Amino acid sequence: MSELKSWKEIPMGGVIEEAGNADQYTTGGWRTFKPVLDENKCIHCLICWISCPDSAIIVKDEKMTGFNYKHCKGCGACADVCPKKVQAITMAQEGK
């Protein structure tokens, strides 16, 4: 039987055994606030899409169409980068 390596012998980094499986897991269920889109104000600059750490911005035909709340954690990055003159994305308390 082979002996287990100590933590000092294991190389830094991680192992992804099934790459590309993140979509299978719902990760947005614990958020306190959620982003809300005012479609009439959105100028489709897609800065929110670039800034979202969870890839939760839905884009179709080069236009922002909403959020994938299954993966959105409510961090507010999208609302923070939405141009101030536009403010198409606001944060609302979850469940209201």
PDB file of N, CA and C in Angstrom:
ATOM      1  N   MET A   1       0.844  -1.182   0.000  1.00  0.00           N
ATOM      2  CA  MET A   1       0.000   0.000   0.000  1.00  0.00           C
ATOM      3  C   MET A   1       0.888   1.244   0.000  1.00  0.00           C
ATOM      4  N   SER A   2       0.575   2.206  -0.879  1.00  0.00           N
ATOM      5  CA  SER A   2       1.395   3.414  -0.956  1.00  0.00           C
ATOM      6  C   SER A   2       1.069   4.349   0.208  1.00  0.00           C
ATOM      7  N   GLU A   3       2.082   5.047   0.632  1.00  0.00           N
ATOM      8  CA  GLU A   3       1.929   5.965   1.754  1.00  0.00           C
ATOM      9  C   GLU A   3       1.421   7.314   1.242  1.00  0.00           C
ATOM     10  N   LEU A   4       0.505   7.941   1.976  1.00  0.00           N
ATOM     11  CA  LEU A   4      -0.011   9.250   1.590  1.00  0.00           C
ATOM     12  C   LEU A   4       1.072  10.306   1.746  1.00  0.00           C
ATOM     13  N   LYS A   5       1.068  11.276   0.840  1.00  0.00           N
ATOM     14  CA  LYS A   5       2.032  12.365   0.915  1.00  0.00           C
ATOM     15  C   LYS A   5       1.597  13.356   1.990  1.00  0.00           C
ATOM     16  N   SER A   6       2.577  13.994   2.614  1.00  0.00           N
ATOM     17  CA  SER A   6       2.245  15.039   3.584  1.00  0.00           C
ATOM     18  C   SER A   6       1.882  16.306   2.815  1.00  0.00           C
ATOM     19  N   TRP A   7       1.312  17.282   3.502  1.00  0.00           N
ATOM     20  CA  TRP A   7       0.904  18.511   2.833  1.00  0.00           C
ATOM     21  C   TRP A   7       2.095  19.256   2.244  1.00  0.00           C
ATOM     22  N   LYS A   8       3.270  19.039   2.786  1.00  0.00           N
ATOM     23  CA  LYS A   8       4.464  19.706   2.270  1.00  0.00           C
ATOM     24  C   LYS A   8       4.921  19.111   0.936  1.00  0.00           C
ATOM     25  N   GLU A   9       4.522  17.895   0.656  1.00  0.00           N
ATOM     26  CA  GLU A   9       4.944  17.211  -0.573  1.00  0.00           C
ATOM     27  C   GLU A   9       3.957  17.392  -1.725  1.00  0.00           C
ATOM     28  N   ILE A  10       2.782  17.897  -1.425  1.00  0.00           N
ATOM     29  CA  ILE A  10       1.756  18.065  -2.456  1.00  0.00           C
ATOM     30  C   ILE A  10       1.978  19.405  -3.153  1.00  0.00           C
ATOM     31  N   PRO A  11       1.993  19.432  -4.487  1.00  0.00           N
ATOM     32  CA  PRO A  11       2.213  20.696  -5.199  1.00  0.00           C
ATOM     33  C   PRO A  11       1.041  21.657  -4.992  1.00  0.00           C
ATOM     34  N   MET A  12       1.349  22.970  -5.041  1.00  0.00           N
ATOM     35  CA  MET A  12       0.300  23.978  -4.902  1.00  0.00           C
ATOM     36  C   MET A  12      -0.605  23.928  -6.121  1.00  0.00           C
ATOM     37  N   GLY A  13      -1.858  24.238  -5.914  1.00  0.00           N
ATOM     38  CA  GLY A  13      -2.821  24.244  -7.004  1.00  0.00           C
ATOM     39  C   GLY A  13      -4.005  23.375  -6.663  1.00  0.00           C
ATOM     40  N   GLY A  14      -4.840  23.162  -7.606  1.00  0.00           N
ATOM     41  CA  GLY A  14      -6.025  22.345  -7.396  1.00  0.00           C
ATOM     42  C   GLY A  14      -6.194  21.352  -8.518  1.00  0.00           C
ATOM     43  N   VAL A  15      -7.077  20.426  -8.284  1.00  0.00           N
ATOM     44  CA  VAL A  15      -7.364  19.409  -9.285  1.00  0.00           C
ATOM     45  C   VAL A  15      -8.824  19.545  -9.686  1.00  0.00           C
ATOM     46  N   ILE A  16      -9.069  19.701 -10.956  1.00  0.00           N
ATOM     47  CA  ILE A  16     -10.430  19.756 -11.469  1.00  0.00           C
ATOM     48  C   ILE A  16     -10.659  18.453 -12.218  1.00  0.00           C
ATOM     49  N   GLU A  17     -11.361  17.557 -11.557  1.00  0.00           N
ATOM     50  CA  GLU A  17     -11.559  16.236 -12.153  1.00  0.00           C
ATOM     51  C   GLU A  17     -12.542  16.252 -13.310  1.00  0.00           C
ATOM     52  N   GLU A  18     -13.569  17.100 -13.238  1.00  0.00           N
ATOM     53  CA  GLU A  18     -14.560  17.180 -14.305  1.00  0.00           C
ATOM     54  C   GLU A  18     -14.707  18.640 -14.720  1.00  0.00           C
ATOM     55  N   ALA A  19     -13.784  19.143 -15.471  1.00  0.00           N
ATOM     56  CA  ALA A  19     -13.818  20.545 -15.889  1.00  0.00           C
ATOM     57  C   ALA A  19     -15.098  20.851 -16.661  1.00  0.00           C
ATOM     58  N   GLY A  20     -15.633  22.043 -16.424  1.00  0.00           N
ATOM     59  CA  GLY A  20     -16.840  22.460 -17.136  1.00  0.00           C
ATOM     60  C   GLY A  20     -18.130  22.020 -16.492  1.00  0.00           C
ATOM     61  N   ASN A  21     -18.096  21.590 -15.248  1.00  0.00           N
ATOM     62  CA  ASN A  21     -19.308  21.088 -14.611  1.00  0.00           C
ATOM     63  C   ASN A  21     -19.979  22.106 -13.693  1.00  0.00           C
ATOM     64  N   ALA A  22     -19.508  23.346 -13.653  1.00  0.00           N
ATOM     65  CA  ALA A  22     -20.041  24.348 -12.732  1.00  0.00           C
ATOM     66  C   ALA A  22     -21.521  24.626 -12.959  1.00  0.00           C
ATOM     67  N   ASP A  23     -21.992  24.505 -14.188  1.00  0.00           N
ATOM     68  CA  ASP A  23     -23.395  24.783 -14.484  1.00  0.00           C
ATOM     69  C   ASP A  23     -24.333  23.796 -13.797  1.00  0.00           C
ATOM     70  N   GLN A  24     -23.819  22.660 -13.387  1.00  0.00           N
ATOM     71  CA  GLN A  24     -24.645  21.639 -12.737  1.00  0.00           C
ATOM     72  C   GLN A  24     -24.993  21.999 -11.298  1.00  0.00           C
ATOM     73  N   TYR A  25     -24.302  22.980 -10.729  1.00  0.00           N
ATOM     74  CA  TYR A  25     -24.481  23.300  -9.319  1.00  0.00           C
ATOM     75  C   TYR A  25     -25.129  24.665  -9.139  1.00  0.00           C
ATOM     76  N   THR A  26     -26.174  24.708  -8.344  1.00  0.00           N
ATOM     77  CA  THR A  26     -26.838  25.959  -8.020  1.00  0.00           C
ATOM     78  C   THR A  26     -26.056  26.634  -6.903  1.00  0.00           C
ATOM     79  N   THR A  27     -25.579  27.838  -7.160  1.00  0.00           N
ATOM     80  CA  THR A  27     -24.743  28.525  -6.174  1.00  0.00           C
ATOM     81  C   THR A  27     -25.326  29.862  -5.738  1.00  0.00           C
ATOM     82  N   GLY A  28     -26.483  30.227  -6.239  1.00  0.00           N
ATOM     83  CA  GLY A  28     -27.039  31.546  -5.926  1.00  0.00           C
ATOM     84  C   GLY A  28     -28.109  31.547  -4.863  1.00  0.00           C
ATOM     85  N   GLY A  29     -28.293  30.455  -4.156  1.00  0.00           N
ATOM     86  CA  GLY A  29     -29.397  30.354  -3.210  1.00  0.00           C
ATOM     87  C   GLY A  29     -29.214  31.055  -1.887  1.00  0.00           C
ATOM     88  N   TRP A  30     -28.053  31.572  -1.602  1.00  0.00           N
ATOM     89  CA  TRP A  30     -27.810  32.171  -0.294  1.00  0.00           C
ATOM     90  C   TRP A  30     -27.683  33.685  -0.324  1.00  0.00           C
ATOM     91  N   ARG A  31     -27.910  34.299  -1.473  1.00  0.00           N
ATOM     92  CA  ARG A  31     -27.706  35.751  -1.563  1.00  0.00           C
ATOM     93  C   ARG A  31     -28.754  36.516  -0.738  1.00  0.00           C
ATOM     94  N   THR A  32     -28.367  37.711  -0.297  1.00  0.00           N
ATOM     95  CA  THR A  32     -29.253  38.596   0.456  1.00  0.00           C
ATOM     96  C   THR A  32     -29.882  39.632  -0.466  1.00  0.00           C
ATOM     97  N   PHE A  33     -29.100  40.087  -1.440  1.00  0.00           N
ATOM     98  CA  PHE A  33     -29.588  41.052  -2.423  1.00  0.00           C
ATOM     99  C   PHE A  33     -29.438  40.466  -3.819  1.00  0.00           C
ATOM    100  N   LYS A  34     -30.316  40.892  -4.720  1.00  0.00           N
ATOM    101  CA  LYS A  34     -30.217  40.420  -6.101  1.00  0.00           C
ATOM    102  C   LYS A  34     -30.272  41.611  -7.045  1.00  0.00           C
ATOM    103  N   PRO A  35     -29.609  41.508  -8.182  1.00  0.00           N
ATOM    104  CA  PRO A  35     -29.660  42.596  -9.152  1.00  0.00           C
ATOM    105  C   PRO A  35     -30.985  42.574  -9.913  1.00  0.00           C
ATOM    106  N   VAL A  36     -31.477  43.764 -10.215  1.00  0.00           N
ATOM    107  CA  VAL A  36     -32.719  43.909 -10.973  1.00  0.00           C
ATOM    108  C   VAL A  36     -32.413  44.810 -12.164  1.00  0.00           C
ATOM    109  N   LEU A  37     -32.829  44.389 -13.341  1.00  0.00           N
ATOM    110  CA  LEU A  37     -32.561  45.133 -14.574  1.00  0.00           C
ATOM    111  C   LEU A  37     -33.774  45.952 -14.987  1.00  0.00           C
ATOM    112  N   ASP A  38     -33.561  47.224 -15.284  1.00  0.00           N
ATOM    113  CA  ASP A  38     -34.575  48.065 -15.911  1.00  0.00           C
ATOM    114  C   ASP A  38     -34.236  48.068 -17.398  1.00  0.00           C
ATOM    115  N   GLU A  39     -34.936  47.246 -18.154  1.00  0.00           N
ATOM    116  CA  GLU A  39     -34.626  47.070 -19.581  1.00  0.00           C
ATOM    117  C   GLU A  39     -34.757  48.369 -20.375  1.00  0.00           C
ATOM    118  N   ASN A  40     -35.599  49.284 -19.911  1.00  0.00           N
ATOM    119  CA  ASN A  40     -35.786  50.552 -20.623  1.00  0.00           C
ATOM    120  C   ASN A  40     -34.581  51.479 -20.484  1.00  0.00           C
ATOM    121  N   LYS A  41     -33.780  51.285 -19.437  1.00  0.00           N
ATOM    122  CA  LYS A  41     -32.609  52.134 -19.211  1.00  0.00           C
ATOM    123  C   LYS A  41     -31.317  51.537 -19.764  1.00  0.00           C
ATOM    124  N   CYS A  42     -31.276  50.239 -19.955  1.00  0.00           N
ATOM    125  CA  CYS A  42     -30.041  49.551 -20.341  1.00  0.00           C
ATOM    126  C   CYS A  42     -29.564  49.992 -21.727  1.00  0.00           C
ATOM    127  N   ILE A  43     -28.281  50.335 -21.832  1.00  0.00           N
ATOM    128  CA  ILE A  43     -27.697  50.740 -23.120  1.00  0.00           C
ATOM    129  C   ILE A  43     -26.873  49.602 -23.741  1.00  0.00           C
ATOM    130  N   HIS A  44     -26.883  48.441 -23.110  1.00  0.00           N
ATOM    131  CA  HIS A  44     -26.221  47.232 -23.613  1.00  0.00           C
ATOM    132  C   HIS A  44     -24.724  47.433 -23.858  1.00  0.00           C
ATOM    133  N   CYS A  45     -24.078  48.114 -22.925  1.00  0.00           N
ATOM    134  CA  CYS A  45     -22.623  48.305 -23.016  1.00  0.00           C
ATOM    135  C   CYS A  45     -21.880  47.028 -22.620  1.00  0.00           C
ATOM    136  N   LEU A  46     -22.550  46.140 -21.897  1.00  0.00           N
ATOM    137  CA  LEU A  46     -22.045  44.828 -21.465  1.00  0.00           C
ATOM    138  C   LEU A  46     -20.872  44.905 -20.489  1.00  0.00           C
ATOM    139  N   ILE A  47     -20.686  46.053 -19.849  1.00  0.00           N
ATOM    140  CA  ILE A  47     -19.659  46.145 -18.811  1.00  0.00           C
ATOM    141  C   ILE A  47     -20.027  45.222 -17.654  1.00  0.00           C
ATOM    142  N   CYS A  48     -21.310  45.073 -17.383  1.00  0.00           N
ATOM    143  CA  CYS A  48     -21.767  44.168 -16.322  1.00  0.00           C
ATOM    144  C   CYS A  48     -21.368  42.729 -16.643  1.00  0.00           C
ATOM    145  N   TRP A  49     -21.510  42.343 -17.885  1.00  0.00           N
ATOM    146  CA  TRP A  49     -21.182  40.980 -18.319  1.00  0.00           C
ATOM    147  C   TRP A  49     -19.693  40.696 -18.127  1.00  0.00           C
ATOM    148  N   ILE A  50     -18.869  41.689 -18.439  1.00  0.00           N
ATOM    149  CA  ILE A  50     -17.425  41.545 -18.268  1.00  0.00           C
ATOM    150  C   ILE A  50     -17.069  41.442 -16.785  1.00  0.00           C
ATOM    151  N   SER A  51     -17.772  42.189 -15.953  1.00  0.00           N
ATOM    152  CA  SER A  51     -17.433  42.292 -14.530  1.00  0.00           C
ATOM    153  C   SER A  51     -17.996  41.187 -13.652  1.00  0.00           C
ATOM    154  N   CYS A  52     -18.982  40.463 -14.104  1.00  0.00           N
ATOM    155  CA  CYS A  52     -19.640  39.453 -13.268  1.00  0.00           C
ATOM    156  C   CYS A  52     -18.711  38.268 -13.003  1.00  0.00           C
ATOM    157  N   PRO A  53     -18.376  38.012 -11.730  1.00  0.00           N
ATOM    158  CA  PRO A  53     -17.470  36.900 -11.418  1.00  0.00           C
ATOM    159  C   PRO A  53     -18.126  35.528 -11.528  1.00  0.00           C
ATOM    160  N   ASP A  54     -19.450  35.495 -11.662  1.00  0.00           N
ATOM    161  CA  ASP A  54     -20.170  34.222 -11.698  1.00  0.00           C
ATOM    162  C   ASP A  54     -20.774  33.902 -13.055  1.00  0.00           C
ATOM    163  N   SER A  55     -20.483  34.709 -14.062  1.00  0.00           N
ATOM    164  CA  SER A  55     -21.058  34.532 -15.403  1.00  0.00           C
ATOM    165  C   SER A  55     -22.579  34.422 -15.333  1.00  0.00           C
ATOM    166  N   ALA A  56     -23.187  35.291 -14.527  1.00  0.00           N
ATOM    167  CA  ALA A  56     -24.632  35.238 -14.311  1.00  0.00           C
ATOM    168  C   ALA A  56     -25.402  36.240 -15.168  1.00  0.00           C
ATOM    169  N   ILE A  57     -24.718  36.981 -16.020  1.00  0.00           N
ATOM    170  CA  ILE A  57     -25.374  37.940 -16.912  1.00  0.00           C
ATOM    171  C   ILE A  57     -25.769  37.201 -18.186  1.00  0.00           C
ATOM    172  N   ILE A  58     -27.039  37.300 -18.543  1.00  0.00           N
ATOM    173  CA  ILE A  58     -27.533  36.634 -19.751  1.00  0.00           C
ATOM    174  C   ILE A  58     -27.466  37.625 -20.915  1.00  0.00           C
ATOM    175  N   VAL A  59     -26.777  37.234 -21.974  1.00  0.00           N
ATOM    176  CA  VAL A  59     -26.629  38.072 -23.164  1.00  0.00           C
ATOM    177  C   VAL A  59     -27.134  37.287 -24.366  1.00  0.00           C
ATOM    178  N   LYS A  60     -28.029  37.929 -25.133  1.00  0.00           N
ATOM    179  CA  LYS A  60     -28.528  37.333 -26.378  1.00  0.00           C
ATOM    180  C   LYS A  60     -28.469  38.401 -27.458  1.00  0.00           C
ATOM    181  N   ASP A  61     -27.961  38.034 -28.607  1.00  0.00           N
ATOM    182  CA  ASP A  61     -27.832  38.961 -29.737  1.00  0.00           C
ATOM    183  C   ASP A  61     -27.126  40.254 -29.326  1.00  0.00           C
ATOM    184  N   GLU A  62     -26.040  40.110 -28.559  1.00  0.00           N
ATOM    185  CA  GLU A  62     -25.214  41.222 -28.103  1.00  0.00           C
ATOM    186  C   GLU A  62     -25.969  42.220 -27.228  1.00  0.00           C
ATOM    187  N   LYS A  63     -27.024  41.755 -26.546  1.00  0.00           N
ATOM    188  CA  LYS A  63     -27.784  42.606 -25.633  1.00  0.00           C
ATOM    189  C   LYS A  63     -27.950  41.898 -24.300  1.00  0.00           C
ATOM    190  N   MET A  64     -27.839  42.662 -23.227  1.00  0.00           N
ATOM    191  CA  MET A  64     -28.046  42.137 -21.884  1.00  0.00           C
ATOM    192  C   MET A  64     -29.540  41.925 -21.702  1.00  0.00           C
ATOM    193  N   THR A  65     -29.947  40.697 -21.362  1.00  0.00           N
ATOM    194  CA  THR A  65     -31.376  40.399 -21.259  1.00  0.00           C
ATOM    195  C   THR A  65     -31.826  40.030 -19.850  1.00  0.00           C
ATOM    196  N   GLY A  66     -30.896  39.864 -18.935  1.00  0.00           N
ATOM    197  CA  GLY A  66     -31.294  39.520 -17.574  1.00  0.00           C
ATOM    198  C   GLY A  66     -30.184  38.803 -16.834  1.00  0.00           C
ATOM    199  N   PHE A  67     -30.588  38.097 -15.767  1.00  0.00           N
ATOM    200  CA  PHE A  67     -29.636  37.436 -14.886  1.00  0.00           C
ATOM    201  C   PHE A  67     -29.966  35.964 -14.731  1.00  0.00           C
ATOM    202  N   ASN A  68     -28.950  35.156 -14.575  1.00  0.00           N
ATOM    203  CA  ASN A  68     -29.129  33.750 -14.232  1.00  0.00           C
ATOM    204  C   ASN A  68     -29.045  33.679 -12.708  1.00  0.00           C
ATOM    205  N   TYR A  69     -30.203  33.770 -12.058  1.00  0.00           N
ATOM    206  CA  TYR A  69     -30.232  33.798 -10.596  1.00  0.00           C
ATOM    207  C   TYR A  69     -29.802  32.473  -9.982  1.00  0.00           C
ATOM    208  N   LYS A  70     -29.749  31.436 -10.786  1.00  0.00           N
ATOM    209  CA  LYS A  70     -29.257  30.135 -10.305  1.00  0.00           C
ATOM    210  C   LYS A  70     -27.788  30.238  -9.880  1.00  0.00           C
ATOM    211  N   HIS A  71     -27.046  31.142 -10.527  1.00  0.00           N
ATOM    212  CA  HIS A  71     -25.618  31.287 -10.236  1.00  0.00           C
ATOM    213  C   HIS A  71     -25.247  32.634  -9.615  1.00  0.00           C
ATOM    214  N   CYS A  72     -26.124  33.620  -9.700  1.00  0.00           N
ATOM    215  CA  CYS A  72     -25.834  34.949  -9.149  1.00  0.00           C
ATOM    216  C   CYS A  72     -25.767  34.883  -7.624  1.00  0.00           C
ATOM    217  N   LYS A  73     -24.686  35.427  -7.074  1.00  0.00           N
ATOM    218  CA  LYS A  73     -24.511  35.430  -5.618  1.00  0.00           C
ATOM    219  C   LYS A  73     -24.848  36.781  -5.000  1.00  0.00           C
ATOM    220  N   GLY A  74     -25.266  37.738  -5.815  1.00  0.00           N
ATOM    221  CA  GLY A  74     -25.693  39.031  -5.295  1.00  0.00           C
ATOM    222  C   GLY A  74     -24.571  39.933  -4.843  1.00  0.00           C
ATOM    223  N   CYS A  75     -23.409  39.812  -5.454  1.00  0.00           N
ATOM    224  CA  CYS A  75     -22.251  40.609  -5.024  1.00  0.00           C
ATOM    225  C   CYS A  75     -22.404  42.089  -5.367  1.00  0.00           C
ATOM    226  N   GLY A  76     -23.200  42.404  -6.389  1.00  0.00           N
ATOM    227  CA  GLY A  76     -23.428  43.790  -6.776  1.00  0.00           C
ATOM    228  C   GLY A  76     -22.409  44.369  -7.732  1.00  0.00           C
ATOM    229  N   ALA A  77     -21.478  43.556  -8.211  1.00  0.00           N
ATOM    230  CA  ALA A  77     -20.465  44.060  -9.149  1.00  0.00           C
ATOM    231  C   ALA A  77     -21.124  44.647 -10.394  1.00  0.00           C
ATOM    232  N   CYS A  78     -22.172  44.015 -10.874  1.00  0.00           N
ATOM    233  CA  CYS A  78     -22.860  44.489 -12.076  1.00  0.00           C
ATOM    234  C   CYS A  78     -23.477  45.870 -11.855  1.00  0.00           C
ATOM    235  N   ALA A  79     -24.094  46.072 -10.704  1.00  0.00           N
ATOM    236  CA  ALA A  79     -24.705  47.365 -10.386  1.00  0.00           C
ATOM    237  C   ALA A  79     -23.634  48.438 -10.196  1.00  0.00           C
ATOM    238  N   ASP A  80     -22.508  48.055  -9.614  1.00  0.00           N
ATOM    239  CA  ASP A  80     -21.420  49.011  -9.388  1.00  0.00           C
ATOM    240  C   ASP A  80     -20.825  49.535 -10.689  1.00  0.00           C
ATOM    241  N   VAL A  81     -20.730  48.690 -11.707  1.00  0.00           N
ATOM    242  CA  VAL A  81     -20.095  49.113 -12.961  1.00  0.00           C
ATOM    243  C   VAL A  81     -21.081  49.667 -13.985  1.00  0.00           C
ATOM    244  N   CYS A  82     -22.365  49.528 -13.723  1.00  0.00           N
ATOM    245  CA  CYS A  82     -23.366  50.089 -14.638  1.00  0.00           C
ATOM    246  C   CYS A  82     -23.174  51.606 -14.660  1.00  0.00           C
ATOM    247  N   PRO A  83     -23.053  52.205 -15.852  1.00  0.00           N
ATOM    248  CA  PRO A  83     -22.803  53.645 -15.925  1.00  0.00           C
ATOM    249  C   PRO A  83     -23.786  54.447 -15.065  1.00  0.00           C
ATOM    250  N   LYS A  84     -23.251  55.376 -14.284  1.00  0.00           N
ATOM    251  CA  LYS A  84     -24.061  56.141 -13.329  1.00  0.00           C
ATOM    252  C   LYS A  84     -25.179  56.935 -14.001  1.00  0.00           C
ATOM    253  N   LYS A  85     -24.946  57.404 -15.225  1.00  0.00           N
ATOM    254  CA  LYS A  85     -25.998  58.144 -15.931  1.00  0.00           C
ATOM    255  C   LYS A  85     -27.151  57.226 -16.329  1.00  0.00           C
ATOM    256  N   VAL A  86     -26.874  55.933 -16.411  1.00  0.00           N
ATOM    257  CA  VAL A  86     -27.873  54.962 -16.853  1.00  0.00           C
ATOM    258  C   VAL A  86     -28.556  54.295 -15.660  1.00  0.00           C
ATOM    259  N   GLN A  87     -27.783  53.734 -14.770  1.00  0.00           N
ATOM    260  CA  GLN A  87     -28.253  52.980 -13.600  1.00  0.00           C
ATOM    261  C   GLN A  87     -29.382  52.005 -13.954  1.00  0.00           C
ATOM    262  N   ALA A  88     -29.114  51.168 -14.948  1.00  0.00           N
ATOM    263  CA  ALA A  88     -30.103  50.180 -15.370  1.00  0.00           C
ATOM    264  C   ALA A  88     -30.176  49.000 -14.415  1.00  0.00           C
ATOM    265  N   ILE A  89     -29.125  48.801 -13.609  1.00  0.00           N
ATOM    266  CA  ILE A  89     -29.098  47.685 -12.664  1.00  0.00           C
ATOM    267  C   ILE A  89     -29.082  48.242 -11.249  1.00  0.00           C
ATOM    268  N   THR A  90     -30.041  47.803 -10.460  1.00  0.00           N
ATOM    269  CA  THR A  90     -30.093  48.167  -9.048  1.00  0.00           C
ATOM    270  C   THR A  90     -30.138  46.888  -8.231  1.00  0.00           C
ATOM    271  N   MET A  91     -29.796  47.009  -6.964  1.00  0.00           N
ATOM    272  CA  MET A  91     -29.821  45.849  -6.075  1.00  0.00           C
ATOM    273  C   MET A  91     -31.068  45.929  -5.200  1.00  0.00           C
ATOM    274  N   ALA A  92     -31.790  44.812  -5.121  1.00  0.00           N
ATOM    275  CA  ALA A  92     -33.006  44.731  -4.309  1.00  0.00           C
ATOM    276  C   ALA A  92     -32.866  43.593  -3.315  1.00  0.00           C
ATOM    277  N   GLN A  93     -33.503  43.758  -2.170  1.00  0.00           N
ATOM    278  CA  GLN A  93     -33.438  42.706  -1.162  1.00  0.00           C
ATOM    279  C   GLN A  93     -34.112  41.447  -1.695  1.00  0.00           C
ATOM    280  N   GLU A  94     -33.461  40.321  -1.508  1.00  0.00           N
ATOM    281  CA  GLU A  94     -33.973  39.032  -1.987  1.00  0.00           C
ATOM    282  C   GLU A  94     -35.343  38.760  -1.357  1.00  0.00           C
ATOM    283  N   GLY A  95     -36.262  38.288  -2.167  1.00  0.00           N
ATOM    284  CA  GLY A  95     -37.593  37.932  -1.685  1.00  0.00           C
ATOM    285  C   GLY A  95     -38.583  39.075  -1.668  1.00  0.00           C
ATOM    286  N   LYS A  96     -38.175  40.242  -2.145  1.00  0.00           N
ATOM    287  CA  LYS A  96     -39.103  41.385  -2.165  1.00  0.00           C
ATOM    288  C   LYS A  96     -39.309  41.879  -3.565  1.00  0.00           C
TER     289      LYS A  96
END
